[in-house]
mmCIF file of all heavy atoms, coordinates in Angstrom:
data_MODEL
# 
_entry.id   MODEL 
# 
loop_
_atom_site.group_PDB 
_atom_site.id 
_atom_site.type_symbol 
_atom_site.label_atom_id 
_atom_site.label_alt_id 
_atom_site.label_comp_id 
_atom_site.label_asym_id 
_atom_site.label_entity_id 
_atom_site.label_seq_id 
_atom_site.pdbx_PDB_ins_code 
_atom_site.Cartn_x 
_atom_site.Cartn_y 
_atom_site.Cartn_z 
_atom_site.occupancy 
_atom_site.B_iso_or_equiv 
_atom_site.pdbx_formal_charge 
_atom_site.auth_seq_id 
_atom_site.auth_comp_id 
_atom_site.auth_asym_id 
_atom_site.auth_atom_id 
_atom_site.pdbx_PDB_model_num 
ATOM 1   N N   . ILE A 1 1  ? -0.623  -5.224  -34.397 1.00 0.00 ? 1  ILE A N   1 
ATOM 2   C CA  . ILE A 1 1  ? 0.204   -4.129  -33.897 1.00 0.00 ? 1  ILE A CA  1 
ATOM 3   C C   . ILE A 1 1  ? 0.526   -4.306  -32.377 1.00 0.00 ? 1  ILE A C   1 
ATOM 4   O O   . ILE A 1 1  ? -0.433  -4.605  -31.670 1.00 0.00 ? 1  ILE A O   1 
ATOM 5   C CB  . ILE A 1 1  ? -0.677  -2.734  -34.030 1.00 0.00 ? 1  ILE A CB  1 
ATOM 6   C CG1 . ILE A 1 1  ? -0.827  -2.434  -35.549 1.00 0.00 ? 1  ILE A CG1 1 
ATOM 7   C CG2 . ILE A 1 1  ? 0.088   -1.562  -33.334 1.00 0.00 ? 1  ILE A CG2 1 
ATOM 8   C CD1 . ILE A 1 1  ? -1.773  -1.315  -35.758 1.00 0.00 ? 1  ILE A CD1 1 
ATOM 9   N N   . PRO A 1 2  ? 1.727   -4.453  -31.991 1.00 0.00 ? 2  PRO A N   1 
ATOM 10  C CA  . PRO A 1 2  ? 2.045   -4.659  -30.666 1.00 0.00 ? 2  PRO A CA  1 
ATOM 11  C C   . PRO A 1 2  ? 1.479   -3.768  -29.652 1.00 0.00 ? 2  PRO A C   1 
ATOM 12  O O   . PRO A 1 2  ? 1.012   -4.222  -28.606 1.00 0.00 ? 2  PRO A O   1 
ATOM 13  C CB  . PRO A 1 2  ? 3.570   -4.570  -30.572 1.00 0.00 ? 2  PRO A CB  1 
ATOM 14  C CG  . PRO A 1 2  ? 4.090   -4.790  -31.959 1.00 0.00 ? 2  PRO A CG  1 
ATOM 15  C CD  . PRO A 1 2  ? 2.952   -4.197  -32.827 1.00 0.00 ? 2  PRO A CD  1 
ATOM 16  N N   . ASP A 1 3  ? 1.459   -2.470  -29.867 1.00 0.00 ? 3  ASP A N   1 
ATOM 17  C CA  . ASP A 1 3  ? 0.811   -1.520  -28.876 1.00 0.00 ? 3  ASP A CA  1 
ATOM 18  C C   . ASP A 1 3  ? -0.504  -0.968  -29.453 1.00 0.00 ? 3  ASP A C   1 
ATOM 19  O O   . ASP A 1 3  ? -0.531  0.062   -30.076 1.00 0.00 ? 3  ASP A O   1 
ATOM 20  C CB  . ASP A 1 3  ? 1.841   -0.433  -28.628 1.00 0.00 ? 3  ASP A CB  1 
ATOM 21  C CG  . ASP A 1 3  ? 1.371   0.575   -27.442 1.00 0.00 ? 3  ASP A CG  1 
ATOM 22  O OD1 . ASP A 1 3  ? 0.177   0.411   -27.024 1.00 0.00 ? 3  ASP A OD1 1 
ATOM 23  O OD2 . ASP A 1 3  ? 2.191   1.396   -27.092 1.00 0.00 ? 3  ASP A OD2 1 
ATOM 24  N N   . ASP A 1 4  ? -1.537  -1.728  -29.232 1.00 0.00 ? 4  ASP A N   1 
ATOM 25  C CA  . ASP A 1 4  ? -2.828  -1.328  -29.776 1.00 0.00 ? 4  ASP A CA  1 
ATOM 26  C C   . ASP A 1 4  ? -3.370  0.016   -29.232 1.00 0.00 ? 4  ASP A C   1 
ATOM 27  O O   . ASP A 1 4  ? -3.971  0.710   -29.895 1.00 0.00 ? 4  ASP A O   1 
ATOM 28  C CB  . ASP A 1 4  ? -3.879  -2.520  -29.621 1.00 0.00 ? 4  ASP A CB  1 
ATOM 29  C CG  . ASP A 1 4  ? -4.100  -2.954  -28.175 1.00 0.00 ? 4  ASP A CG  1 
ATOM 30  O OD1 . ASP A 1 4  ? -3.225  -2.714  -27.381 1.00 0.00 ? 4  ASP A OD1 1 
ATOM 31  O OD2 . ASP A 1 4  ? -5.011  -3.628  -27.981 1.00 0.00 ? 4  ASP A OD2 1 
ATOM 32  N N   . GLN A 1 5  ? -3.037  0.219   -27.996 1.00 0.00 ? 5  GLN A N   1 
ATOM 33  C CA  . GLN A 1 5  ? -3.456  1.441   -27.282 1.00 0.00 ? 5  GLN A CA  1 
ATOM 34  C C   . GLN A 1 5  ? -2.819  2.692   -27.995 1.00 0.00 ? 5  GLN A C   1 
ATOM 35  O O   . GLN A 1 5  ? -3.526  3.674   -28.357 1.00 0.00 ? 5  GLN A O   1 
ATOM 36  C CB  . GLN A 1 5  ? -3.153  1.550   -25.849 1.00 0.00 ? 5  GLN A CB  1 
ATOM 37  C CG  . GLN A 1 5  ? -3.669  2.701   -25.175 1.00 0.00 ? 5  GLN A CG  1 
ATOM 38  C CD  . GLN A 1 5  ? -3.351  2.665   -23.619 1.00 0.00 ? 5  GLN A CD  1 
ATOM 39  O OE1 . GLN A 1 5  ? -2.715  1.712   -23.130 1.00 0.00 ? 5  GLN A OE1 1 
ATOM 40  N NE2 . GLN A 1 5  ? -3.960  3.559   -22.887 1.00 0.00 ? 5  GLN A NE2 1 
ATOM 41  N N   . ALA A 1 6  ? -1.536  2.638   -28.363 1.00 0.00 ? 6  ALA A N   1 
ATOM 42  C CA  . ALA A 1 6  ? -0.913  3.703   -29.032 1.00 0.00 ? 6  ALA A CA  1 
ATOM 43  C C   . ALA A 1 6  ? -1.394  3.822   -30.444 1.00 0.00 ? 6  ALA A C   1 
ATOM 44  O O   . ALA A 1 6  ? -1.533  5.038   -30.944 1.00 0.00 ? 6  ALA A O   1 
ATOM 45  C CB  . ALA A 1 6  ? 0.604   3.400   -29.102 1.00 0.00 ? 6  ALA A CB  1 
ATOM 46  N N   . ALA A 1 7  ? -1.807  2.706   -31.118 1.00 0.00 ? 7  ALA A N   1 
ATOM 47  C CA  . ALA A 1 7  ? -2.358  2.812   -32.414 1.00 0.00 ? 7  ALA A CA  1 
ATOM 48  C C   . ALA A 1 7  ? -3.659  3.487   -32.518 1.00 0.00 ? 7  ALA A C   1 
ATOM 49  O O   . ALA A 1 7  ? -3.975  4.355   -33.339 1.00 0.00 ? 7  ALA A O   1 
ATOM 50  C CB  . ALA A 1 7  ? -2.450  1.367   -33.053 1.00 0.00 ? 7  ALA A CB  1 
ATOM 51  N N   . VAL A 1 8  ? -4.559  3.138   -31.548 1.00 0.00 ? 8  VAL A N   1 
ATOM 52  C CA  . VAL A 1 8  ? -5.793  3.859   -31.483 1.00 0.00 ? 8  VAL A CA  1 
ATOM 53  C C   . VAL A 1 8  ? -5.654  5.331   -31.120 1.00 0.00 ? 8  VAL A C   1 
ATOM 54  O O   . VAL A 1 8  ? -6.342  6.175   -31.692 1.00 0.00 ? 8  VAL A O   1 
ATOM 55  C CB  . VAL A 1 8  ? -6.686  3.151   -30.326 1.00 0.00 ? 8  VAL A CB  1 
ATOM 56  C CG1 . VAL A 1 8  ? -8.010  4.005   -30.046 1.00 0.00 ? 8  VAL A CG1 1 
ATOM 57  C CG2 . VAL A 1 8  ? -7.137  1.760   -30.849 1.00 0.00 ? 8  VAL A CG2 1 
ATOM 58  N N   . GLY A 1 9  ? -4.676  5.653   -30.301 1.00 0.00 ? 9  GLY A N   1 
ATOM 59  C CA  . GLY A 1 9  ? -4.424  7.013   -29.988 1.00 0.00 ? 9  GLY A CA  1 
ATOM 60  C C   . GLY A 1 9  ? -3.998  7.791   -31.256 1.00 0.00 ? 9  GLY A C   1 
ATOM 61  O O   . GLY A 1 9  ? -4.375  8.992   -31.416 1.00 0.00 ? 9  GLY A O   1 
ATOM 62  N N   . GLU A 1 10 ? -3.205  7.103   -32.057 1.00 0.00 ? 10 GLU A N   1 
ATOM 63  C CA  . GLU A 1 10 ? -2.725  7.801   -33.319 1.00 0.00 ? 10 GLU A CA  1 
ATOM 64  C C   . GLU A 1 10 ? -3.890  7.930   -34.224 1.00 0.00 ? 10 GLU A C   1 
ATOM 65  O O   . GLU A 1 10 ? -3.988  8.965   -34.979 1.00 0.00 ? 10 GLU A O   1 
ATOM 66  C CB  . GLU A 1 10 ? -1.610  6.940   -33.914 1.00 0.00 ? 10 GLU A CB  1 
ATOM 67  C CG  . GLU A 1 10 ? -0.928  7.551   -35.159 1.00 0.00 ? 10 GLU A CG  1 
ATOM 68  C CD  . GLU A 1 10 ? -0.223  8.893   -34.815 1.00 0.00 ? 10 GLU A CD  1 
ATOM 69  O OE1 . GLU A 1 10 ? 0.009   9.268   -33.627 1.00 0.00 ? 10 GLU A OE1 1 
ATOM 70  O OE2 . GLU A 1 10 ? 0.216   9.519   -35.889 1.00 0.00 ? 10 GLU A OE2 1 
ATOM 71  N N   . MET A 1 11 ? -4.781  6.979   -34.401 1.00 0.00 ? 11 MET A N   1 
ATOM 72  C CA  . MET A 1 11 ? -5.942  7.129   -35.271 1.00 0.00 ? 11 MET A CA  1 
ATOM 73  C C   . MET A 1 11 ? -6.828  8.272   -34.790 1.00 0.00 ? 11 MET A C   1 
ATOM 74  O O   . MET A 1 11 ? -7.303  9.107   -35.640 1.00 0.00 ? 11 MET A O   1 
ATOM 75  C CB  . MET A 1 11 ? -6.791  5.793   -35.175 1.00 0.00 ? 11 MET A CB  1 
ATOM 76  C CG  . MET A 1 11 ? -6.231  4.565   -35.780 1.00 0.00 ? 11 MET A CG  1 
ATOM 77  S SD  . MET A 1 11 ? -7.166  3.116   -35.422 1.00 0.00 ? 11 MET A SD  1 
ATOM 78  C CE  . MET A 1 11 ? -6.005  1.793   -35.738 1.00 0.00 ? 11 MET A CE  1 
ATOM 79  N N   . TYR A 1 12 ? -6.901  8.465   -33.458 1.00 0.00 ? 12 TYR A N   1 
ATOM 80  C CA  . TYR A 1 12 ? -7.658  9.638   -32.968 1.00 0.00 ? 12 TYR A CA  1 
ATOM 81  C C   . TYR A 1 12 ? -6.963  10.911  -33.326 1.00 0.00 ? 12 TYR A C   1 
ATOM 82  O O   . TYR A 1 12 ? -7.611  11.857  -33.759 1.00 0.00 ? 12 TYR A O   1 
ATOM 83  C CB  . TYR A 1 12 ? -7.813  9.500   -31.483 1.00 0.00 ? 12 TYR A CB  1 
ATOM 84  C CG  . TYR A 1 12 ? -8.753  10.506  -30.853 1.00 0.00 ? 12 TYR A CG  1 
ATOM 85  C CD1 . TYR A 1 12 ? -10.121 10.198  -30.743 1.00 0.00 ? 12 TYR A CD1 1 
ATOM 86  C CD2 . TYR A 1 12 ? -8.275  11.665  -30.350 1.00 0.00 ? 12 TYR A CD2 1 
ATOM 87  C CE1 . TYR A 1 12 ? -10.976 11.163  -30.218 1.00 0.00 ? 12 TYR A CE1 1 
ATOM 88  C CE2 . TYR A 1 12 ? -9.085  12.641  -29.820 1.00 0.00 ? 12 TYR A CE2 1 
ATOM 89  C CZ  . TYR A 1 12 ? -10.481 12.370  -29.730 1.00 0.00 ? 12 TYR A CZ  1 
ATOM 90  O OH  . TYR A 1 12 ? -11.341 13.342  -29.183 1.00 0.00 ? 12 TYR A OH  1 
ATOM 91  N N   . ARG A 1 13 ? -5.675  10.949  -33.153 1.00 0.00 ? 13 ARG A N   1 
ATOM 92  C CA  . ARG A 1 13 ? -4.910  12.154  -33.400 1.00 0.00 ? 13 ARG A CA  1 
ATOM 93  C C   . ARG A 1 13 ? -5.022  12.629  -34.837 1.00 0.00 ? 13 ARG A C   1 
ATOM 94  O O   . ARG A 1 13 ? -5.204  13.732  -35.133 1.00 0.00 ? 13 ARG A O   1 
ATOM 95  C CB  . ARG A 1 13 ? -3.340  11.882  -33.082 1.00 0.00 ? 13 ARG A CB  1 
ATOM 96  C CG  . ARG A 1 13 ? -2.577  13.175  -33.213 1.00 0.00 ? 13 ARG A CG  1 
ATOM 97  C CD  . ARG A 1 13 ? -1.116  12.912  -33.180 1.00 0.00 ? 13 ARG A CD  1 
ATOM 98  N NE  . ARG A 1 13 ? -0.589  12.169  -34.300 1.00 0.00 ? 13 ARG A NE  1 
ATOM 99  C CZ  . ARG A 1 13 ? -0.299  12.775  -35.455 1.00 0.00 ? 13 ARG A CZ  1 
ATOM 100 N NH1 . ARG A 1 13 ? -0.507  14.080  -35.671 1.00 0.00 ? 13 ARG A NH1 1 
ATOM 101 N NH2 . ARG A 1 13 ? 0.099   12.005  -36.439 1.00 0.00 ? 13 ARG A NH2 1 
ATOM 102 N N   . VAL A 1 14 ? -4.974  11.667  -35.792 1.00 0.00 ? 14 VAL A N   1 
ATOM 103 C CA  . VAL A 1 14 ? -4.992  12.123  -37.254 1.00 0.00 ? 14 VAL A CA  1 
ATOM 104 C C   . VAL A 1 14 ? -6.323  12.496  -37.787 1.00 0.00 ? 14 VAL A C   1 
ATOM 105 O O   . VAL A 1 14 ? -6.442  13.141  -38.754 1.00 0.00 ? 14 VAL A O   1 
ATOM 106 C CB  . VAL A 1 14 ? -4.254  11.014  -38.157 1.00 0.00 ? 14 VAL A CB  1 
ATOM 107 C CG1 . VAL A 1 14 ? -2.801  10.836  -37.769 1.00 0.00 ? 14 VAL A CG1 1 
ATOM 108 C CG2 . VAL A 1 14 ? -5.111  9.763   -38.205 1.00 0.00 ? 14 VAL A CG2 1 
ATOM 109 N N   . LEU A 1 15 ? -7.380  12.004  -37.126 1.00 0.00 ? 15 LEU A N   1 
ATOM 110 C CA  . LEU A 1 15 ? -8.753  12.326  -37.531 1.00 0.00 ? 15 LEU A CA  1 
ATOM 111 C C   . LEU A 1 15 ? -9.159  13.760  -37.192 1.00 0.00 ? 15 LEU A C   1 
ATOM 112 O O   . LEU A 1 15 ? -8.783  14.268  -36.200 1.00 0.00 ? 15 LEU A O   1 
ATOM 113 C CB  . LEU A 1 15 ? -9.722  11.445  -36.952 1.00 0.00 ? 15 LEU A CB  1 
ATOM 114 C CG  . LEU A 1 15 ? -9.998  10.079  -37.659 1.00 0.00 ? 15 LEU A CG  1 
ATOM 115 C CD1 . LEU A 1 15 ? -10.940 9.264   -36.792 1.00 0.00 ? 15 LEU A CD1 1 
ATOM 116 C CD2 . LEU A 1 15 ? -10.669 10.284  -39.034 1.00 0.00 ? 15 LEU A CD2 1 
ATOM 117 N N   . ARG A 1 16 ? -9.780  14.414  -38.130 1.00 0.00 ? 16 ARG A N   1 
ATOM 118 C CA  . ARG A 1 16 ? -10.309 15.754  -37.881 1.00 0.00 ? 16 ARG A CA  1 
ATOM 119 C C   . ARG A 1 16 ? -11.534 15.639  -36.977 1.00 0.00 ? 16 ARG A C   1 
ATOM 120 O O   . ARG A 1 16 ? -12.150 14.531  -36.988 1.00 0.00 ? 16 ARG A O   1 
ATOM 121 C CB  . ARG A 1 16 ? -10.568 16.442  -39.076 1.00 0.00 ? 16 ARG A CB  1 
ATOM 122 C CG  . ARG A 1 16 ? -11.758 15.982  -39.951 1.00 0.00 ? 16 ARG A CG  1 
ATOM 123 C CD  . ARG A 1 16 ? -11.876 16.845  -41.180 1.00 0.00 ? 16 ARG A CD  1 
ATOM 124 N NE  . ARG A 1 16 ? -12.879 16.234  -41.977 1.00 0.00 ? 16 ARG A NE  1 
ATOM 125 C CZ  . ARG A 1 16 ? -14.195 16.561  -42.036 1.00 0.00 ? 16 ARG A CZ  1 
ATOM 126 N NH1 . ARG A 1 16 ? -14.641 17.477  -41.204 1.00 0.00 ? 16 ARG A NH1 1 
ATOM 127 N NH2 . ARG A 1 16 ? -14.963 16.011  -42.866 1.00 0.00 ? 16 ARG A NH2 1 
ATOM 128 N N   . PRO A 1 17 ? -11.944 16.664  -36.307 1.00 0.00 ? 17 PRO A N   1 
ATOM 129 C CA  . PRO A 1 17 ? -13.160 16.588  -35.444 1.00 0.00 ? 17 PRO A CA  1 
ATOM 130 C C   . PRO A 1 17 ? -14.326 16.243  -36.384 1.00 0.00 ? 17 PRO A C   1 
ATOM 131 O O   . PRO A 1 17 ? -14.512 16.737  -37.523 1.00 0.00 ? 17 PRO A O   1 
ATOM 132 C CB  . PRO A 1 17 ? -13.266 17.973  -34.957 1.00 0.00 ? 17 PRO A CB  1 
ATOM 133 C CG  . PRO A 1 17 ? -11.912 18.457  -34.810 1.00 0.00 ? 17 PRO A CG  1 
ATOM 134 C CD  . PRO A 1 17 ? -11.240 17.876  -36.001 1.00 0.00 ? 17 PRO A CD  1 
ATOM 135 N N   . GLY A 1 18 ? -15.117 15.248  -36.008 1.00 0.00 ? 18 GLY A N   1 
ATOM 136 C CA  . GLY A 1 18 ? -16.221 14.767  -36.836 1.00 0.00 ? 18 GLY A CA  1 
ATOM 137 C C   . GLY A 1 18 ? -15.826 13.598  -37.729 1.00 0.00 ? 18 GLY A C   1 
ATOM 138 O O   . GLY A 1 18 ? -16.710 13.035  -38.364 1.00 0.00 ? 18 GLY A O   1 
ATOM 139 N N   . GLY A 1 19 ? -14.528 13.356  -37.788 1.00 0.00 ? 19 GLY A N   1 
ATOM 140 C CA  . GLY A 1 19 ? -13.974 12.251  -38.648 1.00 0.00 ? 19 GLY A CA  1 
ATOM 141 C C   . GLY A 1 19 ? -14.448 10.819  -38.087 1.00 0.00 ? 19 GLY A C   1 
ATOM 142 O O   . GLY A 1 19 ? -14.826 10.675  -36.931 1.00 0.00 ? 19 GLY A O   1 
ATOM 143 N N   . ARG A 1 20 ? -14.393 9.855   -39.034 1.00 0.00 ? 20 ARG A N   1 
ATOM 144 C CA  . ARG A 1 20 ? -14.879 8.535   -38.723 1.00 0.00 ? 20 ARG A CA  1 
ATOM 145 C C   . ARG A 1 20 ? -13.895 7.461   -38.700 1.00 0.00 ? 20 ARG A C   1 
ATOM 146 O O   . ARG A 1 20 ? -13.078 7.472   -39.608 1.00 0.00 ? 20 ARG A O   1 
ATOM 147 C CB  . ARG A 1 20 ? -16.063 8.274   -39.725 1.00 0.00 ? 20 ARG A CB  1 
ATOM 148 C CG  . ARG A 1 20 ? -16.731 6.974   -39.463 1.00 0.00 ? 20 ARG A CG  1 
ATOM 149 C CD  . ARG A 1 20 ? -17.939 6.817   -40.379 1.00 0.00 ? 20 ARG A CD  1 
ATOM 150 N NE  . ARG A 1 20 ? -17.432 6.668   -41.775 1.00 0.00 ? 20 ARG A NE  1 
ATOM 151 C CZ  . ARG A 1 20 ? -18.186 6.123   -42.730 1.00 0.00 ? 20 ARG A CZ  1 
ATOM 152 N NH1 . ARG A 1 20 ? -19.375 5.675   -42.463 1.00 0.00 ? 20 ARG A NH1 1 
ATOM 153 N NH2 . ARG A 1 20 ? -17.642 6.026   -43.926 1.00 0.00 ? 20 ARG A NH2 1 
ATOM 154 N N   . LEU A 1 21 ? -13.925 6.529   -37.763 1.00 0.00 ? 21 LEU A N   1 
ATOM 155 C CA  . LEU A 1 21 ? -13.054 5.400   -37.716 1.00 0.00 ? 21 LEU A CA  1 
ATOM 156 C C   . LEU A 1 21 ? -13.889 4.155   -37.993 1.00 0.00 ? 21 LEU A C   1 
ATOM 157 O O   . LEU A 1 21 ? -14.924 3.965   -37.394 1.00 0.00 ? 21 LEU A O   1 
ATOM 158 C CB  . LEU A 1 21 ? -12.445 5.206   -36.354 1.00 0.00 ? 21 LEU A CB  1 
ATOM 159 C CG  . LEU A 1 21 ? -11.600 3.952   -36.076 1.00 0.00 ? 21 LEU A CG  1 
ATOM 160 C CD1 . LEU A 1 21 ? -10.493 3.759   -36.993 1.00 0.00 ? 21 LEU A CD1 1 
ATOM 161 C CD2 . LEU A 1 21 ? -11.226 3.798   -34.612 1.00 0.00 ? 21 LEU A CD2 1 
ATOM 162 N N   . VAL A 1 22 ? -13.436 3.352   -39.051 1.00 0.00 ? 22 VAL A N   1 
ATOM 163 C CA  . VAL A 1 22 ? -14.069 2.114   -39.243 1.00 0.00 ? 22 VAL A CA  1 
ATOM 164 C C   . VAL A 1 22 ? -13.036 1.006   -38.944 1.00 0.00 ? 22 VAL A C   1 
ATOM 165 O O   . VAL A 1 22 ? -11.927 1.058   -39.537 1.00 0.00 ? 22 VAL A O   1 
ATOM 166 C CB  . VAL A 1 22 ? -14.530 2.029   -40.727 1.00 0.00 ? 22 VAL A CB  1 
ATOM 167 C CG1 . VAL A 1 22 ? -15.172 0.679   -41.010 1.00 0.00 ? 22 VAL A CG1 1 
ATOM 168 C CG2 . VAL A 1 22 ? -15.389 3.173   -41.154 1.00 0.00 ? 22 VAL A CG2 1 
ATOM 169 N N   . LEU A 1 23 ? -13.372 0.150   -38.034 1.00 0.00 ? 23 LEU A N   1 
ATOM 170 C CA  . LEU A 1 23 ? -12.490 -0.913  -37.558 1.00 0.00 ? 23 LEU A CA  1 
ATOM 171 C C   . LEU A 1 23 ? -13.034 -2.295  -37.679 1.00 0.00 ? 23 LEU A C   1 
ATOM 172 O O   . LEU A 1 23 ? -14.226 -2.486  -37.349 1.00 0.00 ? 23 LEU A O   1 
ATOM 173 C CB  . LEU A 1 23 ? -12.185 -0.532  -36.068 1.00 0.00 ? 23 LEU A CB  1 
ATOM 174 C CG  . LEU A 1 23 ? -11.210 -1.376  -35.340 1.00 0.00 ? 23 LEU A CG  1 
ATOM 175 C CD1 . LEU A 1 23 ? -9.742  -1.260  -35.969 1.00 0.00 ? 23 LEU A CD1 1 
ATOM 176 C CD2 . LEU A 1 23 ? -11.184 -1.025  -33.892 1.00 0.00 ? 23 LEU A CD2 1 
ATOM 177 N N   . LEU A 1 24 ? -12.275 -3.227  -38.154 1.00 0.00 ? 24 LEU A N   1 
ATOM 178 C CA  . LEU A 1 24 ? -12.741 -4.599  -38.228 1.00 0.00 ? 24 LEU A CA  1 
ATOM 179 C C   . LEU A 1 24 ? -11.538 -5.471  -37.700 1.00 0.00 ? 24 LEU A C   1 
ATOM 180 O O   . LEU A 1 24 ? -10.431 -5.286  -38.133 1.00 0.00 ? 24 LEU A O   1 
ATOM 181 C CB  . LEU A 1 24 ? -13.006 -5.017  -39.734 1.00 0.00 ? 24 LEU A CB  1 
ATOM 182 C CG  . LEU A 1 24 ? -13.274 -6.498  -39.807 1.00 0.00 ? 24 LEU A CG  1 
ATOM 183 C CD1 . LEU A 1 24 ? -14.820 -6.673  -40.312 1.00 0.00 ? 24 LEU A CD1 1 
ATOM 184 C CD2 . LEU A 1 24 ? -12.414 -7.221  -40.801 1.00 0.00 ? 24 LEU A CD2 1 
ATOM 185 N N   . GLY A 1 25 ? -11.855 -6.316  -36.827 1.00 0.00 ? 25 GLY A N   1 
ATOM 186 C CA  . GLY A 1 25 ? -10.769 -7.186  -36.245 1.00 0.00 ? 25 GLY A CA  1 
ATOM 187 C C   . GLY A 1 25 ? -11.323 -8.336  -35.499 1.00 0.00 ? 25 GLY A C   1 
ATOM 188 O O   . GLY A 1 25 ? -12.446 -8.558  -35.199 1.00 0.00 ? 25 GLY A O   1 
ATOM 189 N N   . HIS A 1 26 ? -10.344 -9.264  -35.210 1.00 0.00 ? 26 HIS A N   1 
ATOM 190 C CA  . HIS A 1 26 ? -10.601 -10.479 -34.361 1.00 0.00 ? 26 HIS A CA  1 
ATOM 191 C C   . HIS A 1 26 ? -10.659 -9.976  -32.934 1.00 0.00 ? 26 HIS A C   1 
ATOM 192 O O   . HIS A 1 26 ? -9.872  -9.161  -32.493 1.00 0.00 ? 26 HIS A O   1 
ATOM 193 C CB  . HIS A 1 26 ? -9.412  -11.379 -34.379 1.00 0.00 ? 26 HIS A CB  1 
ATOM 194 C CG  . HIS A 1 26 ? -9.228  -12.038 -35.675 1.00 0.00 ? 26 HIS A CG  1 
ATOM 195 N ND1 . HIS A 1 26 ? -7.973  -11.900 -36.382 1.00 0.00 ? 26 HIS A ND1 1 
ATOM 196 C CD2 . HIS A 1 26 ? -9.912  -12.806 -36.525 1.00 0.00 ? 26 HIS A CD2 1 
ATOM 197 C CE1 . HIS A 1 26 ? -8.054  -12.498 -37.534 1.00 0.00 ? 26 HIS A CE1 1 
ATOM 198 N NE2 . HIS A 1 26 ? -9.263  -13.078 -37.574 1.00 0.00 ? 26 HIS A NE2 1 
ATOM 199 N N   . VAL A 1 27 ? -11.666 -10.479 -32.220 1.00 0.00 ? 27 VAL A N   1 
ATOM 200 C CA  . VAL A 1 27 ? -11.884 -10.104 -30.750 1.00 0.00 ? 27 VAL A CA  1 
ATOM 201 C C   . VAL A 1 27 ? -12.234 -11.334 -30.029 1.00 0.00 ? 27 VAL A C   1 
ATOM 202 O O   . VAL A 1 27 ? -12.558 -12.378 -30.626 1.00 0.00 ? 27 VAL A O   1 
ATOM 203 C CB  . VAL A 1 27 ? -12.969 -9.040  -30.588 1.00 0.00 ? 27 VAL A CB  1 
ATOM 204 C CG1 . VAL A 1 27 ? -12.528 -7.706  -31.193 1.00 0.00 ? 27 VAL A CG1 1 
ATOM 205 C CG2 . VAL A 1 27 ? -14.364 -9.538  -31.035 1.00 0.00 ? 27 VAL A CG2 1 
ATOM 206 N N   . ALA A 1 28 ? -12.145 -11.324 -28.722 1.00 0.00 ? 28 ALA A N   1 
ATOM 207 C CA  . ALA A 1 28 ? -12.541 -12.507 -27.882 1.00 0.00 ? 28 ALA A CA  1 
ATOM 208 C C   . ALA A 1 28 ? -14.027 -12.681 -28.008 1.00 0.00 ? 28 ALA A C   1 
ATOM 209 O O   . ALA A 1 28 ? -14.727 -11.724 -27.852 1.00 0.00 ? 28 ALA A O   1 
ATOM 210 C CB  . ALA A 1 28 ? -12.098 -12.142 -26.449 1.00 0.00 ? 28 ALA A CB  1 
ATOM 211 N N   . SER A 1 29 ? -14.351 -13.932 -28.253 1.00 0.00 ? 29 SER A N   1 
ATOM 212 C CA  . SER A 1 29 ? -15.747 -14.260 -28.415 1.00 0.00 ? 29 SER A CA  1 
ATOM 213 C C   . SER A 1 29 ? -16.482 -14.156 -27.037 1.00 0.00 ? 29 SER A C   1 
ATOM 214 O O   . SER A 1 29 ? -15.856 -14.370 -26.014 1.00 0.00 ? 29 SER A O   1 
ATOM 215 C CB  . SER A 1 29 ? -15.881 -15.734 -28.872 1.00 0.00 ? 29 SER A CB  1 
ATOM 216 O OG  . SER A 1 29 ? -17.205 -16.182 -28.890 1.00 0.00 ? 29 SER A OG  1 
ATOM 217 N N   . PRO A 1 30 ? -17.710 -13.827 -27.016 1.00 0.00 ? 30 PRO A N   1 
ATOM 218 C CA  . PRO A 1 30 ? -18.440 -13.807 -25.712 1.00 0.00 ? 30 PRO A CA  1 
ATOM 219 C C   . PRO A 1 30 ? -18.746 -15.209 -25.217 1.00 0.00 ? 30 PRO A C   1 
ATOM 220 O O   . PRO A 1 30 ? -19.238 -15.383 -24.066 1.00 0.00 ? 30 PRO A O   1 
ATOM 221 C CB  . PRO A 1 30 ? -19.656 -13.006 -26.084 1.00 0.00 ? 30 PRO A CB  1 
ATOM 222 C CG  . PRO A 1 30 ? -19.905 -13.141 -27.522 1.00 0.00 ? 30 PRO A CG  1 
ATOM 223 C CD  . PRO A 1 30 ? -18.589 -13.294 -28.084 1.00 0.00 ? 30 PRO A CD  1 
# 
């Protein structure tokens, strides 16, 4: 997704209070 910040904001918006987000993705290795 080009705008990951907007996508996370949308995920937050559609969840009801107490709702859960499960996310799996590639990230920078430590």
